[in-house]
Amino acid sequence: MATTSVNPLISTARASDTSPAVQLHPLVLLTISDSITRHTLRQQKGPVAGAILGQQNGQEITMEVAFQAKLKGNDEGEIVLDDEWFSKRLDDFKDVHKQPQLDIVGWFTLGPATGPQPEHLPIHTRISELYNDTPILCLFHPSDAFSESTAAGKLPLTLYESVYENATGSPNDKAMDIDGAMQTKALKFKELVYTVETGEAEMIGVDFVARGGGNATAVEGAPPPKGDSKAPEEEKSKKGKGKGKEKVKEEAIDESTVLTAEDEELLSTLTAKANAIRMLSRRISLLRAYLTSLPPSYLSDPSLPFTTPAPSADHPLPLNHTILRSISAMLSRINILAPPDSEAFTLESQQESSDVQLVALLSSITNSVSAAKDLGRKSYIVEHAKHQGRKGGMGMIMGGYDAPGGNANYLDIMGGGGGRQFGAERWG
């Protein structure tokens, strides 16, 4: 970048594979935002700084939680950490989170997009001496909070790792004895690549903060001093009766301005879609501006030679075939997403929908016929069983009068021993 050469604290060395992979959690971002908000509303003087706690496993570093640090001035006029307060606060955080493996992996502060400044060095050096040899600096850029890149989804912060390079004449140099020769090392910062990671508990907290942001009230300016006189209307309202106070309180709350959960969800969805459309519009405008600035080609003008045109004053940008191929591939995919013949596409969609509905109707009819067939079969079995049972019972009753002893058995069942005597008298 062009800005890295201006800042003498930025390292110009090439990126190496030994740089750590950083995972940034949303709780750290919420803590930084809360610290800046409190510092601004309280109109506090001095810089904003804090510690970032996490875990380090080889080259993988996680930034999980953070807290704002208490600063003080030293005899040299520098802003440094309050070591006693800082160490106690660190122990309290470990006890509260029940994670003794958490340790300081870096710290955060505010600064420009050009990189760290000399006033950041005393705090960074103190943390590296007491807690971590190579702490990571999370530099938040307030000037980029309302930029176009931030609206597109980029966070206004940069992570830096500290390295020592050979330099002379710097007040932050360190002398190292290597083979009897004194070499001077200067503290430099190298930009790191990070990813944003989150867990289920953090997602709940972030969702709560996002939903509460819809009902937040903007606070502008400081509250009036205690000695100021109050408005006469307020004095009259305070002197009124209790019923009058209740009416004033009821009128002050407008329920129509309070968003419901459905309204907040709809608002967040529309906001996300609006940001996506805005970003898409900017990308399309950028592509159009790039294509407009290119020199004419033989593809659009057959009179031009079959050579790559050189840049000129009217068309300063050279041809980049990689970008042009990407644009061509994107244009070819647009026809798939939105076909040019919309009427034929609509007719084909309706035919496919009709086919699907016809198949579903045939399947429903088949299931109904199968169910009716099963019902008929079961009804036949039940009626047949009833008919056979009725026929068998009548045959047993009628057969008792004709067969010897048959009536006696029936009368035995119906009347006990009298039937047996009646049968003996009839059949001798």
Protein backbone atom coordinates (compact mmCIF):
# COMPACT_ATOMS: atom_id res chain seq x y z
CA MET A 1 0.00 0.00 0.00
CA ALA A 2 1.06 3.54 -0.56
CA THR A 3 0.41 4.57 3.02
CA THR A 4 2.79 2.00 4.54
CA SER A 5 5.89 3.78 3.22
CA VAL A 6 4.87 7.03 4.97
CA ASN A 7 4.65 5.55 8.46
CA PRO A 8 8.13 4.65 9.78
CA LEU A 9 6.64 2.16 12.26
CA ILE A 10 5.25 -0.06 9.50
CA SER A 11 7.49 -2.93 8.47
CA THR A 12 8.43 -3.12 4.80
CA ALA A 13 9.52 -6.77 4.99
CA ARG A 14 7.72 -9.37 2.93
CA ALA A 15 4.99 -11.43 4.47
CA SER A 16 6.15 -14.81 5.77
CA ASP A 17 4.43 -18.09 6.56
CA THR A 18 5.25 -17.70 10.25
CA SER A 19 2.64 -14.97 10.76
CA PRO A 20 -0.13 -16.10 13.13
CA ALA A 21 -3.69 -16.83 12.01
CA VAL A 22 -6.02 -14.67 14.10
CA GLN A 23 -9.68 -15.44 14.87
CA LEU A 24 -11.55 -12.35 16.07
CA HIS A 25 -14.73 -12.87 18.09
CA PRO A 26 -17.69 -10.44 18.12
CA LEU A 27 -17.44 -9.84 21.88
CA VAL A 28 -14.16 -8.02 21.32
CA LEU A 29 -15.80 -5.76 18.73
CA LEU A 30 -18.72 -5.03 21.09
CA THR A 31 -16.31 -4.16 23.91
CA ILE A 32 -14.37 -1.75 21.68
CA SER A 33 -17.58 -0.08 20.52
CA ASP A 34 -18.87 0.19 24.10
CA SER A 35 -15.57 1.71 25.29
CA ILE A 36 -15.64 4.34 22.56
CA THR A 37 -19.29 5.19 23.28
CA ARG A 38 -18.73 5.59 27.04
CA HIS A 39 -15.55 7.60 26.50
CA THR A 40 -17.38 9.98 24.14
CA LEU A 41 -20.55 10.45 26.21
CA ARG A 42 -18.61 11.03 29.42
CA GLN A 43 -16.36 13.51 27.60
CA GLN A 44 -13.25 11.88 28.99
CA LYS A 45 -9.79 13.06 28.05
CA GLY A 46 -6.94 10.93 26.82
CA PRO A 47 -6.74 7.86 24.59
CA VAL A 48 -8.89 4.73 24.65
CA ALA A 49 -7.06 1.46 25.24
CA GLY A 50 -7.82 -2.00 26.53
CA ALA A 51 -6.62 -5.58 26.76
CA ILE A 52 -7.72 -8.49 24.58
CA LEU A 53 -7.80 -11.98 26.09
CA GLY A 54 -7.75 -15.24 24.19
CA GLN A 55 -5.81 -18.41 23.59
CA GLN A 56 -2.74 -19.20 21.51
CA ASN A 57 -2.09 -22.63 20.05
CA GLY A 58 1.02 -22.49 17.92
CA GLN A 59 0.33 -20.07 15.07
CA GLU A 60 -3.41 -19.95 15.79
CA ILE A 61 -4.58 -17.12 18.05
CA THR A 62 -8.15 -16.50 19.21
CA MET A 63 -9.33 -13.11 20.48
CA GLU A 64 -12.34 -13.95 22.66
CA VAL A 65 -13.00 -11.21 25.27
CA ALA A 66 -11.67 -7.74 26.06
CA PHE A 67 -11.86 -5.03 28.70
CA GLN A 68 -10.96 -1.36 28.82
CA ALA A 69 -7.74 -0.49 30.65
CA LYS A 70 -7.02 2.32 33.08
CA LEU A 71 -4.26 4.65 31.89
CA LYS A 72 -2.08 7.19 33.65
CA GLY A 73 0.75 9.56 32.84
CA ASN A 74 4.34 8.99 33.89
CA ASP A 75 7.15 11.40 34.70
CA GLU A 76 8.21 11.59 31.05
CA GLY A 77 4.79 12.78 29.92
CA GLU A 78 3.84 9.44 28.30
CA ILE A 79 0.52 7.64 28.69
CA VAL A 80 1.13 4.20 30.21
CA LEU A 81 -0.85 1.44 31.92
CA ASP A 82 -1.78 1.43 35.58
CA ASP A 83 0.03 -1.84 36.33
CA GLU A 84 -1.61 -2.55 39.70
CA TRP A 85 -5.14 -1.95 38.42
CA PHE A 86 -4.42 -3.83 35.19
CA SER A 87 -3.13 -7.00 36.87
CA LYS A 88 -6.08 -7.08 39.32
CA ARG A 89 -8.54 -6.59 36.48
CA LEU A 90 -6.92 -9.44 34.53
CA ASP A 91 -7.25 -11.84 37.50
CA ASP A 92 -10.90 -10.84 37.98
CA PHE A 93 -11.67 -11.56 34.33
CA LYS A 94 -10.15 -15.02 34.55
CA ASP A 95 -12.17 -15.80 37.68
CA VAL A 96 -15.44 -14.52 36.23
CA HIS A 97 -15.16 -16.38 32.93
CA LYS A 98 -13.95 -19.58 34.67
CA GLN A 99 -11.30 -20.00 31.99
CA PRO A 100 -7.80 -19.89 33.47
CA GLN A 101 -6.34 -20.66 30.05
CA LEU A 102 -7.31 -17.18 28.88
CA ASP A 103 -4.34 -14.88 28.64
CA ILE A 104 -3.47 -11.54 27.09
CA VAL A 105 -2.87 -11.97 23.37
CA GLY A 106 -3.08 -8.30 22.39
CA TRP A 107 -4.56 -4.90 23.08
CA PHE A 108 -6.76 -2.36 21.29
CA THR A 109 -6.67 1.39 20.85
CA LEU A 110 -7.72 4.10 18.38
CA GLY A 111 -5.58 5.36 15.55
CA PRO A 112 -5.50 6.45 11.91
CA ALA A 113 -5.61 4.09 8.96
CA THR A 114 -1.94 4.83 8.23
CA GLY A 115 -0.88 2.63 11.15
CA PRO A 116 0.40 2.86 14.73
CA GLN A 117 1.74 6.13 16.10
CA PRO A 118 4.67 6.80 18.49
CA GLU A 119 2.30 7.40 21.43
CA HIS A 120 1.20 3.77 21.15
CA LEU A 121 4.68 2.40 21.78
CA PRO A 122 4.90 2.78 25.62
CA ILE A 123 1.74 0.74 26.22
CA HIS A 124 2.75 -1.89 23.65
CA THR A 125 6.23 -2.18 25.14
CA ARG A 126 4.87 -2.53 28.66
CA ILE A 127 2.48 -5.32 27.68
CA SER A 128 5.28 -7.14 25.82
CA GLU A 129 7.53 -6.93 28.91
CA LEU A 130 5.00 -8.19 31.47
CA TYR A 131 2.39 -10.37 29.75
CA ASN A 132 3.19 -11.38 26.15
CA ASP A 133 6.39 -11.18 24.14
CA THR A 134 4.59 -10.48 20.87
CA PRO A 135 1.21 -8.88 21.59
CA ILE A 136 -1.11 -8.12 18.70
CA LEU A 137 -2.23 -4.52 18.25
CA CYS A 138 -5.88 -4.04 17.24
CA LEU A 139 -6.05 -0.51 15.83
CA PHE A 140 -9.57 0.88 15.40
CA HIS A 141 -10.00 3.66 12.82
CA PRO A 142 -12.77 6.11 13.84
CA SER A 143 -12.33 8.09 10.61
CA ASP A 144 -13.32 5.02 8.54
CA ALA A 145 -16.48 4.23 10.57
CA PHE A 146 -18.73 5.97 8.01
CA SER A 147 -16.76 5.22 4.85
CA GLU A 148 -18.06 3.35 1.82
CA SER A 149 -15.93 0.30 2.56
CA THR A 150 -17.47 0.03 6.04
CA ALA A 151 -20.98 0.22 4.57
CA ALA A 152 -20.02 -2.67 2.28
CA GLY A 153 -19.17 -4.87 5.26
CA LYS A 154 -15.49 -4.15 6.01
CA LEU A 155 -14.62 -3.54 9.65
CA PRO A 156 -12.82 -0.24 10.38
CA LEU A 157 -9.88 -1.86 12.15
CA THR A 158 -6.50 -3.40 11.40
CA LEU A 159 -4.47 -6.00 13.29
CA TYR A 160 -0.69 -5.68 13.58
CA GLU A 161 1.99 -8.00 14.90
CA SER A 162 5.18 -6.59 16.36
CA VAL A 163 8.57 -7.47 14.88
CA TYR A 164 12.08 -6.20 15.46
CA GLU A 165 14.17 -5.12 12.47
CA ASN A 166 17.65 -3.71 12.10
CA ALA A 167 17.59 0.07 12.47
CA THR A 168 19.60 2.87 14.04
CA GLY A 169 18.81 6.19 15.59
CA SER A 170 15.38 5.28 16.95
CA PRO A 171 14.53 5.90 20.62
CA ASN A 172 12.78 2.51 20.74
CA ASP A 173 15.76 0.52 19.52
CA LYS A 174 17.02 -2.52 21.37
CA ALA A 175 20.68 -3.47 21.39
CA MET A 176 21.48 -7.16 20.86
CA ASP A 177 24.90 -8.77 21.29
CA ILE A 178 25.43 -11.23 18.45
CA ASP A 179 28.92 -12.76 18.24
CA GLY A 180 30.39 -9.84 20.15
CA ALA A 181 28.90 -7.22 17.82
CA MET A 182 26.20 -4.86 18.98
CA GLN A 183 23.25 -4.69 16.61
CA THR A 184 20.32 -2.33 17.04
CA LYS A 185 16.75 -3.59 16.66
CA ALA A 186 13.79 -1.28 16.13
CA LEU A 187 10.17 -2.12 16.88
CA LYS A 188 8.07 -2.38 13.74
CA PHE A 189 4.48 -3.45 12.99
CA LYS A 190 3.30 -5.81 10.27
CA GLU A 191 -0.33 -6.07 9.19
CA LEU A 192 -2.11 -9.37 9.86
CA VAL A 193 -4.98 -11.12 8.15
CA TYR A 194 -7.87 -12.10 10.45
CA THR A 195 -11.20 -13.89 10.31
CA VAL A 196 -14.32 -13.27 12.38
CA GLU A 197 -15.48 -16.34 14.32
CA THR A 198 -18.45 -16.72 16.65
CA GLY A 199 -20.14 -19.29 18.85
CA GLU A 200 -23.74 -19.99 19.79
CA ALA A 201 -23.63 -17.95 23.01
CA GLU A 202 -22.03 -15.03 21.19
CA MET A 203 -24.65 -15.19 18.46
CA ILE A 204 -27.37 -14.79 21.09
CA GLY A 205 -25.62 -11.73 22.54
CA VAL A 206 -25.00 -10.16 19.14
CA ASP A 207 -28.61 -10.76 18.12
CA PHE A 208 -29.82 -9.12 21.34
CA VAL A 209 -27.63 -6.08 20.72
CA ALA A 210 -28.78 -5.85 17.10
CA ARG A 211 -32.45 -6.01 18.10
CA GLY A 212 -31.97 -3.45 20.86
CA GLY A 213 -30.33 -1.08 18.42
CA GLY A 214 -33.69 -0.49 16.74
CA ASN A 215 -35.07 1.11 19.92
CA ALA A 216 -31.90 2.96 20.91
CA THR A 217 -32.06 6.70 21.45
CA ALA A 218 -29.31 8.94 20.16
CA VAL A 219 -27.72 11.16 22.81
CA GLU A 220 -26.34 14.42 21.55
CA GLY A 221 -24.38 16.77 23.78
CA ALA A 222 -23.80 16.68 27.52
CA PRO A 223 -26.56 16.92 30.13
CA PRO A 224 -27.20 20.43 31.51
CA PRO A 225 -25.37 21.39 34.72
CA LYS A 226 -27.10 21.11 38.04
CA GLY A 227 -27.21 24.87 38.54
CA ASP A 228 -29.23 25.62 35.40
CA SER A 229 -32.80 26.76 35.86
CA LYS A 230 -35.47 24.41 34.60
CA ALA A 231 -38.14 25.33 32.16
CA PRO A 232 -41.29 26.83 33.65
CA GLU A 233 -43.38 24.10 32.09
CA GLU A 234 -41.46 21.46 33.98
CA GLU A 235 -41.85 23.38 37.22
CA LYS A 236 -45.60 23.63 36.66
CA SER A 237 -45.86 19.94 35.98
CA LYS A 238 -43.95 19.14 39.18
CA LYS A 239 -46.18 21.43 41.23
CA GLY A 240 -49.34 19.76 39.89
CA LYS A 241 -51.28 17.01 41.53
CA GLY A 242 -50.47 13.32 41.38
CA LYS A 243 -53.08 12.63 38.73
CA GLY A 244 -51.59 15.30 36.54
CA LYS A 245 -48.16 13.66 36.84
CA GLU A 246 -49.57 10.32 35.83
CA LYS A 247 -51.18 11.86 32.77
CA VAL A 248 -47.92 13.49 31.75
CA LYS A 249 -46.09 10.17 32.07
CA GLU A 250 -48.72 8.35 30.05
CA GLU A 251 -48.62 10.98 27.31
CA ALA A 252 -44.81 10.85 27.18
CA ILE A 253 -44.80 7.18 26.16
CA ASP A 254 -45.89 6.67 22.58
CA GLU A 255 -46.51 2.96 22.04
CA SER A 256 -46.65 3.43 18.29
CA THR A 257 -42.92 4.23 18.23
CA VAL A 258 -41.94 0.99 20.03
CA LEU A 259 -40.98 -1.71 17.55
CA THR A 260 -42.24 -5.23 18.01
CA ALA A 261 -40.14 -8.33 17.47
CA GLU A 262 -41.66 -8.82 14.00
CA ASP A 263 -40.96 -5.20 13.07
CA GLU A 264 -37.36 -5.45 14.23
CA GLU A 265 -36.83 -8.66 12.27
CA LEU A 266 -38.36 -7.10 9.16
CA LEU A 267 -36.25 -3.98 9.63
CA SER A 268 -33.02 -5.98 9.95
CA THR A 269 -33.92 -8.02 6.85
CA LEU A 270 -34.66 -4.93 4.79
CA THR A 271 -31.46 -3.28 6.01
CA ALA A 272 -29.39 -6.29 4.96
CA LYS A 273 -31.04 -6.32 1.53
CA ALA A 274 -30.54 -2.57 1.11
CA ASN A 275 -26.83 -2.90 1.96
CA ALA A 276 -26.47 -5.77 -0.52
CA ILE A 277 -28.21 -3.78 -3.29
CA ARG A 278 -26.09 -0.71 -2.52
CA MET A 279 -22.89 -2.76 -2.69
CA LEU A 280 -24.02 -4.37 -5.97
CA SER A 281 -24.76 -0.95 -7.44
CA ARG A 282 -21.29 0.29 -6.50
CA ARG A 283 -19.63 -2.73 -8.05
CA ILE A 284 -21.60 -2.29 -11.28
CA SER A 285 -20.71 1.41 -11.40
CA LEU A 286 -17.05 0.53 -10.89
CA LEU A 287 -17.13 -1.99 -13.76
CA ARG A 288 -18.84 0.52 -16.05
CA ALA A 289 -16.29 3.19 -15.21
CA TYR A 290 -13.45 0.76 -15.92
CA LEU A 291 -14.89 -0.34 -19.26
CA THR A 292 -15.55 3.27 -20.26
CA SER A 293 -11.95 4.28 -19.57
CA LEU A 294 -10.50 1.52 -21.76
CA PRO A 295 -9.20 2.40 -25.26
CA PRO A 296 -11.23 1.26 -28.31
CA SER A 297 -10.66 -2.27 -29.53
CA TYR A 298 -10.82 -3.98 -32.91
CA LEU A 299 -13.77 -6.01 -31.58
CA SER A 300 -15.94 -2.91 -31.47
CA ASP A 301 -14.34 -1.07 -34.41
CA PRO A 302 -13.29 -3.26 -37.39
CA SER A 303 -11.11 -0.47 -38.81
CA LEU A 304 -8.63 -0.77 -35.92
CA PRO A 305 -5.60 -3.09 -36.24
CA PHE A 306 -5.45 -6.46 -34.52
CA THR A 307 -3.12 -5.21 -31.82
CA THR A 308 -3.46 -4.23 -28.22
CA PRO A 309 -4.04 -0.45 -28.08
CA ALA A 310 -1.60 1.55 -26.03
CA PRO A 311 -2.80 3.80 -23.20
CA SER A 312 -3.40 7.42 -24.10
CA ALA A 313 -4.44 10.62 -22.38
CA ASP A 314 -8.13 9.91 -23.01
CA HIS A 315 -7.81 6.24 -22.06
CA PRO A 316 -5.04 5.94 -19.46
CA LEU A 317 -5.83 2.43 -18.24
CA PRO A 318 -4.20 -0.52 -20.01
CA LEU A 319 -6.09 -3.65 -20.98
CA ASN A 320 -6.31 -6.29 -18.28
CA HIS A 321 -7.37 -9.52 -19.93
CA THR A 322 -8.01 -11.27 -16.61
CA ILE A 323 -10.57 -8.66 -15.58
CA LEU A 324 -12.14 -8.66 -19.04
CA ARG A 325 -12.52 -12.44 -18.99
CA SER A 326 -14.16 -12.26 -15.56
CA ILE A 327 -16.60 -9.62 -16.82
CA SER A 328 -17.37 -11.71 -19.90
CA ALA A 329 -18.03 -14.80 -17.76
CA MET A 330 -20.31 -12.78 -15.49
CA LEU A 331 -22.30 -11.48 -18.49
CA SER A 332 -22.72 -15.00 -19.82
CA ARG A 333 -24.16 -16.13 -16.49
CA ILE A 334 -26.71 -13.32 -16.48
CA ASN A 335 -28.65 -14.99 -19.32
CA ILE A 336 -29.04 -18.06 -17.13
CA LEU A 337 -30.31 -16.07 -14.18
CA ALA A 338 -32.60 -13.79 -16.23
CA PRO A 339 -33.40 -15.23 -19.71
CA PRO A 340 -33.96 -12.67 -22.47
CA ASP A 341 -37.15 -14.38 -23.76
CA SER A 342 -39.32 -13.91 -20.69
CA GLU A 343 -42.57 -15.01 -22.37
CA ALA A 344 -41.19 -18.39 -23.43
CA PHE A 345 -39.62 -18.83 -19.99
CA THR A 346 -42.96 -18.04 -18.32
CA LEU A 347 -44.83 -20.47 -20.60
CA GLU A 348 -42.31 -23.23 -19.91
CA SER A 349 -42.55 -22.61 -16.17
CA GLN A 350 -46.34 -22.82 -16.30
CA GLN A 351 -46.18 -26.09 -18.26
CA GLU A 352 -43.79 -27.60 -15.73
CA SER A 353 -46.03 -26.44 -12.90
CA SER A 354 -49.06 -28.00 -14.61
CA ASP A 355 -47.20 -31.29 -15.06
CA VAL A 356 -46.25 -31.35 -11.39
CA GLN A 357 -49.83 -30.65 -10.30
CA LEU A 358 -51.18 -33.33 -12.70
CA VAL A 359 -48.81 -35.94 -11.29
CA ALA A 360 -49.84 -34.96 -7.75
CA LEU A 361 -53.53 -35.27 -8.71
CA LEU A 362 -53.02 -38.72 -10.27
CA SER A 363 -51.17 -39.85 -7.18
CA SER A 364 -54.05 -38.63 -4.99
CA ILE A 365 -56.61 -40.47 -7.16
CA THR A 366 -54.57 -43.69 -7.01
CA ASN A 367 -54.36 -43.49 -3.23
CA SER A 368 -58.13 -42.88 -3.01
CA VAL A 369 -58.92 -45.90 -5.22
CA SER A 370 -56.60 -48.09 -3.17
CA ALA A 371 -58.23 -46.93 0.06
CA ALA A 372 -61.74 -47.61 -1.35
CA LYS A 373 -60.65 -51.08 -2.46
CA ASP A 374 -59.32 -51.89 1.02
CA LEU A 375 -62.55 -50.62 2.58
CA GLY A 376 -64.68 -52.81 0.28
CA ARG A 377 -62.60 -55.87 1.04
CA LYS A 378 -62.82 -55.33 4.78
CA SER A 379 -66.58 -54.66 4.58
CA TYR A 380 -67.10 -57.91 2.65
CA ILE A 381 -65.18 -59.88 5.28
CA VAL A 382 -67.22 -58.38 8.13
CA GLU A 383 -70.62 -58.93 6.39
CA HIS A 384 -69.68 -62.48 5.40
CA ALA A 385 -68.73 -63.26 9.00
CA LYS A 386 -72.01 -61.86 10.27
CA HIS A 387 -74.01 -63.89 7.71
CA GLN A 388 -72.20 -67.13 8.56
CA GLY A 389 -72.73 -66.56 12.28
CA ARG A 390 -76.45 -65.88 11.82
CA LYS A 391 -76.89 -68.96 9.61
CA GLY A 392 -75.04 -71.26 12.00
CA GLY A 393 -77.13 -70.14 14.99
CA MET A 394 -80.46 -70.81 13.27
CA GLY A 395 -79.33 -74.27 12.15
CA MET A 396 -78.43 -75.26 15.71
CA ILE A 397 -81.84 -74.10 17.04
CA MET A 398 -83.88 -75.86 14.31
CA GLY A 399 -81.85 -79.05 14.42
CA GLY A 400 -82.64 -79.52 18.12
CA TYR A 401 -86.30 -80.47 17.40
CA ASP A 402 -85.49 -83.07 14.77
CA ALA A 403 -82.53 -84.95 16.13
CA PRO A 404 -82.81 -87.30 19.12
CA GLY A 405 -81.63 -85.63 22.22
CA GLY A 406 -81.09 -82.41 20.37
CA ASN A 407 -83.97 -80.60 21.97
CA ALA A 408 -82.91 -81.94 25.32
CA ASN A 409 -79.50 -80.32 24.91
CA TYR A 410 -81.08 -77.01 23.93
CA LEU A 411 -83.48 -77.22 26.86
CA ASP A 412 -80.62 -78.17 29.16
CA ILE A 413 -78.93 -74.97 28.15
CA MET A 414 -82.05 -72.88 28.41
CA GLY A 415 -83.81 -74.53 31.34
CA GLY A 416 -81.51 -76.92 33.16
CA GLY A 417 -82.75 -80.43 34.11
CA GLY A 418 -86.34 -79.83 32.96
CA GLY A 419 -85.27 -80.07 29.41
CA ARG A 420 -83.65 -83.39 29.97
CA GLN A 421 -86.97 -84.77 31.43
CA PHE A 422 -89.04 -83.33 28.57
CA GLY A 423 -86.82 -85.03 26.04
CA ALA A 424 -87.15 -88.40 27.80
CA GLU A 425 -90.93 -88.22 27.81
CA ARG A 426 -91.09 -87.31 24.09
CA TRP A 427 -88.66 -89.86 22.72
CA GLY A 428 -89.45 -92.64 25.20
